[in-house]
Amino acid sequence: MSARSSAVSAPVAVKIVISGGFGVGKTTFVGAISEIEPLVTEAELTERSLGVDDTSAVRAKTTTTVALDFGRITLDDALLLYLFGTPGQDRFAFLWDDLVDGALGAIILLDTRRLEDCFAAVDYFEDHDIPFLVGVNAFDHTRRFDLAEVRDALGLDPRVPVVECDARRRDSVKGVLMALTEEVLTQRLAKSQAAAPW
């Protein structure tokens, strides 16, 4: 096989960002799908985080991401996704620009008990014109919301996909990643058609 033919068959590598508020399941999401041992930068929650990190909705949470989560998944022979999970607390927001640089798109995970925690992420990706979708994470013992209600509560553009997911389940996570890649392709096609001279 020639170097040219092997280069042609190599999968395209793209960067996807997993974002959202504190404790919404970003680390779990990356870990559920990654085909390599995920890199996580988890640190124990200590007394110093009291009054800073609100754990009232996630009382069992004992750690937090302090830099990033990283994983990789091969969707098919042509597409390799690198997953970068952002930290959820405001005090780590200075890391976002570097983590998001070069990203094809983003998934914003949401806990319906704390809708307001994802406003910063929605604003960030809208301001940076990065395609994204919202994944409503299925936490145990939480009231199910109609996805239209979630869209209205977040004030999202009607074109932004809102999907249900369970960050613990590989098949659910894969479905969300596929939905994002479809959204990115749709947006790129629309932009290229709008720019084409007729």
Protein backbone atom coordinates (compact mmCIF):
# COMPACT_ATOMS: atom_id res chain seq x y z
CA MET A 1 0.00 0.00 0.00
CA SER A 2 1.36 3.42 -0.89
CA ALA A 3 1.74 6.27 1.60
CA ARG A 4 -0.82 8.18 -0.45
CA SER A 5 -3.53 5.52 -0.17
CA SER A 6 -2.94 5.02 3.57
CA ALA A 7 -3.16 8.77 4.13
CA VAL A 8 -6.46 8.90 2.26
CA SER A 9 -7.95 6.15 4.44
CA ALA A 10 -6.93 7.75 7.76
CA PRO A 11 -9.93 8.96 9.80
CA VAL A 12 -10.59 12.67 10.19
CA ALA A 13 -9.94 13.77 13.79
CA VAL A 14 -12.25 16.41 15.25
CA LYS A 15 -12.53 18.08 18.62
CA ILE A 16 -15.80 18.09 20.57
CA VAL A 17 -16.31 20.00 23.83
CA ILE A 18 -18.51 18.67 26.64
CA SER A 19 -19.66 21.57 28.79
CA GLY A 20 -22.19 22.64 31.39
CA GLY A 21 -22.45 23.50 35.05
CA PHE A 22 -20.95 21.89 38.13
CA GLY A 23 -21.97 18.27 38.66
CA VAL A 24 -24.06 17.81 35.49
CA GLY A 25 -22.25 14.65 34.37
CA LYS A 26 -19.46 15.81 32.04
CA THR A 27 -16.81 13.45 33.45
CA THR A 28 -19.30 10.58 33.44
CA PHE A 29 -20.27 11.37 29.82
CA VAL A 30 -16.65 11.23 28.62
CA GLY A 31 -15.90 8.10 30.63
CA ALA A 32 -18.97 6.26 29.34
CA ILE A 33 -17.90 6.46 25.69
CA SER A 34 -14.11 6.81 25.59
CA GLU A 35 -12.30 3.89 23.97
CA ILE A 36 -9.15 4.83 25.85
CA GLU A 37 -8.73 5.28 29.59
CA PRO A 38 -10.04 8.85 29.97
CA LEU A 39 -7.76 11.52 31.35
CA VAL A 40 -9.51 13.22 34.25
CA THR A 41 -8.31 16.01 36.49
CA GLU A 42 -10.57 15.31 39.44
CA ALA A 43 -9.75 16.77 42.86
CA GLU A 44 -11.44 16.06 46.17
CA LEU A 45 -13.96 18.62 47.34
CA THR A 46 -12.65 20.09 50.58
CA GLU A 47 -13.89 22.47 53.25
CA ARG A 48 -12.45 25.32 51.18
CA SER A 49 -15.18 24.71 48.58
CA LEU A 50 -17.97 25.17 51.13
CA GLY A 51 -20.10 28.10 50.04
CA VAL A 52 -18.35 28.08 46.65
CA ASP A 53 -19.52 24.80 45.10
CA ASP A 54 -23.25 24.15 45.54
CA THR A 55 -23.58 20.41 46.13
CA SER A 56 -27.18 20.55 47.36
CA ALA A 57 -28.52 18.84 44.21
CA VAL A 58 -25.60 16.37 44.00
CA ARG A 59 -24.92 15.49 47.62
CA ALA A 60 -23.00 12.32 46.77
CA LYS A 61 -20.45 14.29 44.71
CA THR A 62 -17.03 14.24 46.39
CA THR A 63 -14.75 15.35 43.53
CA THR A 64 -14.67 18.06 40.89
CA THR A 65 -12.88 18.64 37.59
CA VAL A 66 -10.21 21.29 37.98
CA ALA A 67 -8.79 21.44 34.44
CA LEU A 68 -10.34 19.09 31.86
CA ASP A 69 -11.54 15.61 31.01
CA PHE A 70 -10.23 13.98 27.84
CA GLY A 71 -11.39 10.93 25.91
CA ARG A 72 -11.45 9.53 22.39
CA ILE A 73 -14.02 7.63 20.35
CA THR A 74 -13.88 6.31 16.79
CA LEU A 75 -17.37 6.72 15.34
CA ASP A 76 -16.54 4.90 12.11
CA ASP A 77 -13.59 4.39 9.76
CA ALA A 78 -13.78 8.02 8.68
CA LEU A 79 -14.36 9.94 11.95
CA LEU A 80 -12.35 10.11 15.17
CA LEU A 81 -13.69 12.32 17.97
CA TYR A 82 -11.51 13.83 20.67
CA LEU A 83 -13.67 14.78 23.65
CA PHE A 84 -12.70 17.66 25.94
CA GLY A 85 -14.77 18.17 29.09
CA THR A 86 -14.65 21.62 30.64
CA PRO A 87 -14.68 22.35 34.37
CA GLY A 88 -18.09 23.54 35.49
CA GLN A 89 -17.27 26.18 38.08
CA ASP A 90 -16.96 29.87 37.25
CA ARG A 91 -13.54 30.07 38.90
CA PHE A 92 -12.11 27.80 36.16
CA ALA A 93 -13.69 29.72 33.27
CA PHE A 94 -10.29 31.12 32.26
CA LEU A 95 -9.47 27.64 30.87
CA TRP A 96 -12.37 27.59 28.44
CA ASP A 97 -10.81 29.54 25.56
CA ASP A 98 -7.90 27.10 25.30
CA LEU A 99 -10.12 24.02 25.68
CA VAL A 100 -12.59 25.22 23.05
CA ASP A 101 -10.03 26.44 20.52
CA GLY A 102 -10.48 24.48 17.27
CA ALA A 103 -13.62 22.66 18.41
CA LEU A 104 -16.06 21.49 15.75
CA GLY A 105 -18.97 21.74 18.16
CA ALA A 106 -20.11 21.41 21.76
CA ILE A 107 -22.54 19.48 23.91
CA ILE A 108 -23.97 21.34 26.88
CA LEU A 109 -25.15 18.92 29.55
CA LEU A 110 -28.02 20.07 31.70
CA ASP A 111 -29.50 19.01 35.04
CA THR A 112 -33.17 20.03 35.09
CA ARG A 113 -32.92 20.74 38.83
CA ARG A 114 -30.46 23.54 38.03
CA LEU A 115 -31.31 25.00 34.62
CA GLU A 116 -29.57 28.27 35.45
CA ASP A 117 -26.21 26.50 35.74
CA CYS A 118 -25.95 26.09 31.96
CA PHE A 119 -26.72 29.72 31.01
CA ALA A 120 -23.01 30.63 30.99
CA ALA A 121 -22.20 27.77 28.61
CA VAL A 122 -25.08 28.63 26.27
CA ASP A 123 -23.96 32.28 26.18
CA TYR A 124 -20.34 31.26 25.56
CA PHE A 125 -21.03 29.04 22.55
CA GLU A 126 -23.58 31.47 21.09
CA ASP A 127 -21.09 34.35 21.45
CA HIS A 128 -18.31 32.30 19.82
CA ASP A 129 -20.57 31.03 17.01
CA ILE A 130 -19.79 27.39 17.80
CA PRO A 131 -22.50 24.85 16.92
CA PHE A 132 -23.91 23.16 20.02
CA LEU A 133 -26.76 21.09 21.31
CA VAL A 134 -28.21 20.70 24.79
CA GLY A 135 -28.28 17.25 26.35
CA VAL A 136 -30.83 16.92 29.16
CA ASN A 137 -29.11 14.44 31.45
CA ALA A 138 -31.36 11.84 33.09
CA PHE A 139 -30.66 11.96 36.81
CA ASP A 140 -32.42 9.51 39.10
CA HIS A 141 -35.40 10.86 41.07
CA THR A 142 -35.78 14.05 39.03
CA ARG A 143 -38.93 15.31 37.39
CA ARG A 144 -38.96 14.78 33.63
CA PHE A 145 -39.30 17.98 31.62
CA ASP A 146 -40.77 18.32 28.19
CA LEU A 147 -37.90 19.28 25.88
CA ALA A 148 -39.91 22.23 24.58
CA GLU A 149 -40.13 23.51 28.17
CA VAL A 150 -36.36 23.24 28.51
CA ARG A 151 -35.87 25.13 25.22
CA ASP A 152 -38.21 27.90 26.35
CA ALA A 153 -36.61 28.15 29.80
CA LEU A 154 -33.16 28.56 28.21
CA GLY A 155 -34.36 30.96 25.52
CA LEU A 156 -32.71 28.86 22.82
CA ASP A 157 -32.94 29.47 19.11
CA PRO A 158 -35.46 26.96 17.67
CA ARG A 159 -32.69 25.48 15.51
CA VAL A 160 -30.59 24.39 18.52
CA PRO A 161 -31.22 20.68 19.16
CA VAL A 162 -32.35 19.67 22.65
CA VAL A 163 -32.07 15.93 23.30
CA GLU A 164 -32.49 13.59 26.25
CA CYS A 165 -29.51 11.53 27.35
CA ASP A 166 -28.14 9.39 30.12
CA ALA A 167 -24.46 10.23 30.61
CA ARG A 168 -23.91 6.82 32.24
CA ARG A 169 -24.93 4.82 29.17
CA ARG A 170 -22.58 4.38 26.22
CA ASP A 171 -25.37 4.03 23.65
CA SER A 172 -27.07 7.20 24.87
CA VAL A 173 -23.82 9.17 24.79
CA LYS A 174 -23.08 7.89 21.27
CA GLY A 175 -26.52 9.03 20.15
CA VAL A 176 -25.84 12.54 21.45
CA LEU A 177 -22.47 12.66 19.67
CA MET A 178 -24.11 11.54 16.43
CA ALA A 179 -26.81 14.21 16.83
CA LEU A 180 -24.12 16.87 17.27
CA THR A 181 -22.17 15.77 14.18
CA GLU A 182 -25.40 15.87 12.15
CA GLU A 183 -26.12 19.37 13.48
CA VAL A 184 -22.62 20.57 12.58
CA LEU A 185 -22.90 19.15 9.05
CA THR A 186 -26.35 20.75 8.62
CA GLN A 187 -25.02 24.15 9.70
CA ARG A 188 -21.97 23.91 7.44
CA LEU A 189 -24.10 22.93 4.46
CA ALA A 190 -26.48 25.84 5.10
CA LYS A 191 -23.55 28.30 5.34
CA SER A 192 -21.95 27.02 2.14
CA GLN A 193 -25.26 27.27 0.26
CA ALA A 194 -25.82 30.79 1.56
CA ALA A 195 -22.34 31.81 0.43
CA ALA A 196 -22.57 30.16 -3.00
CA PRO A 197 -23.07 32.56 -5.94
CA TRP A 198 -26.24 31.76 -7.90
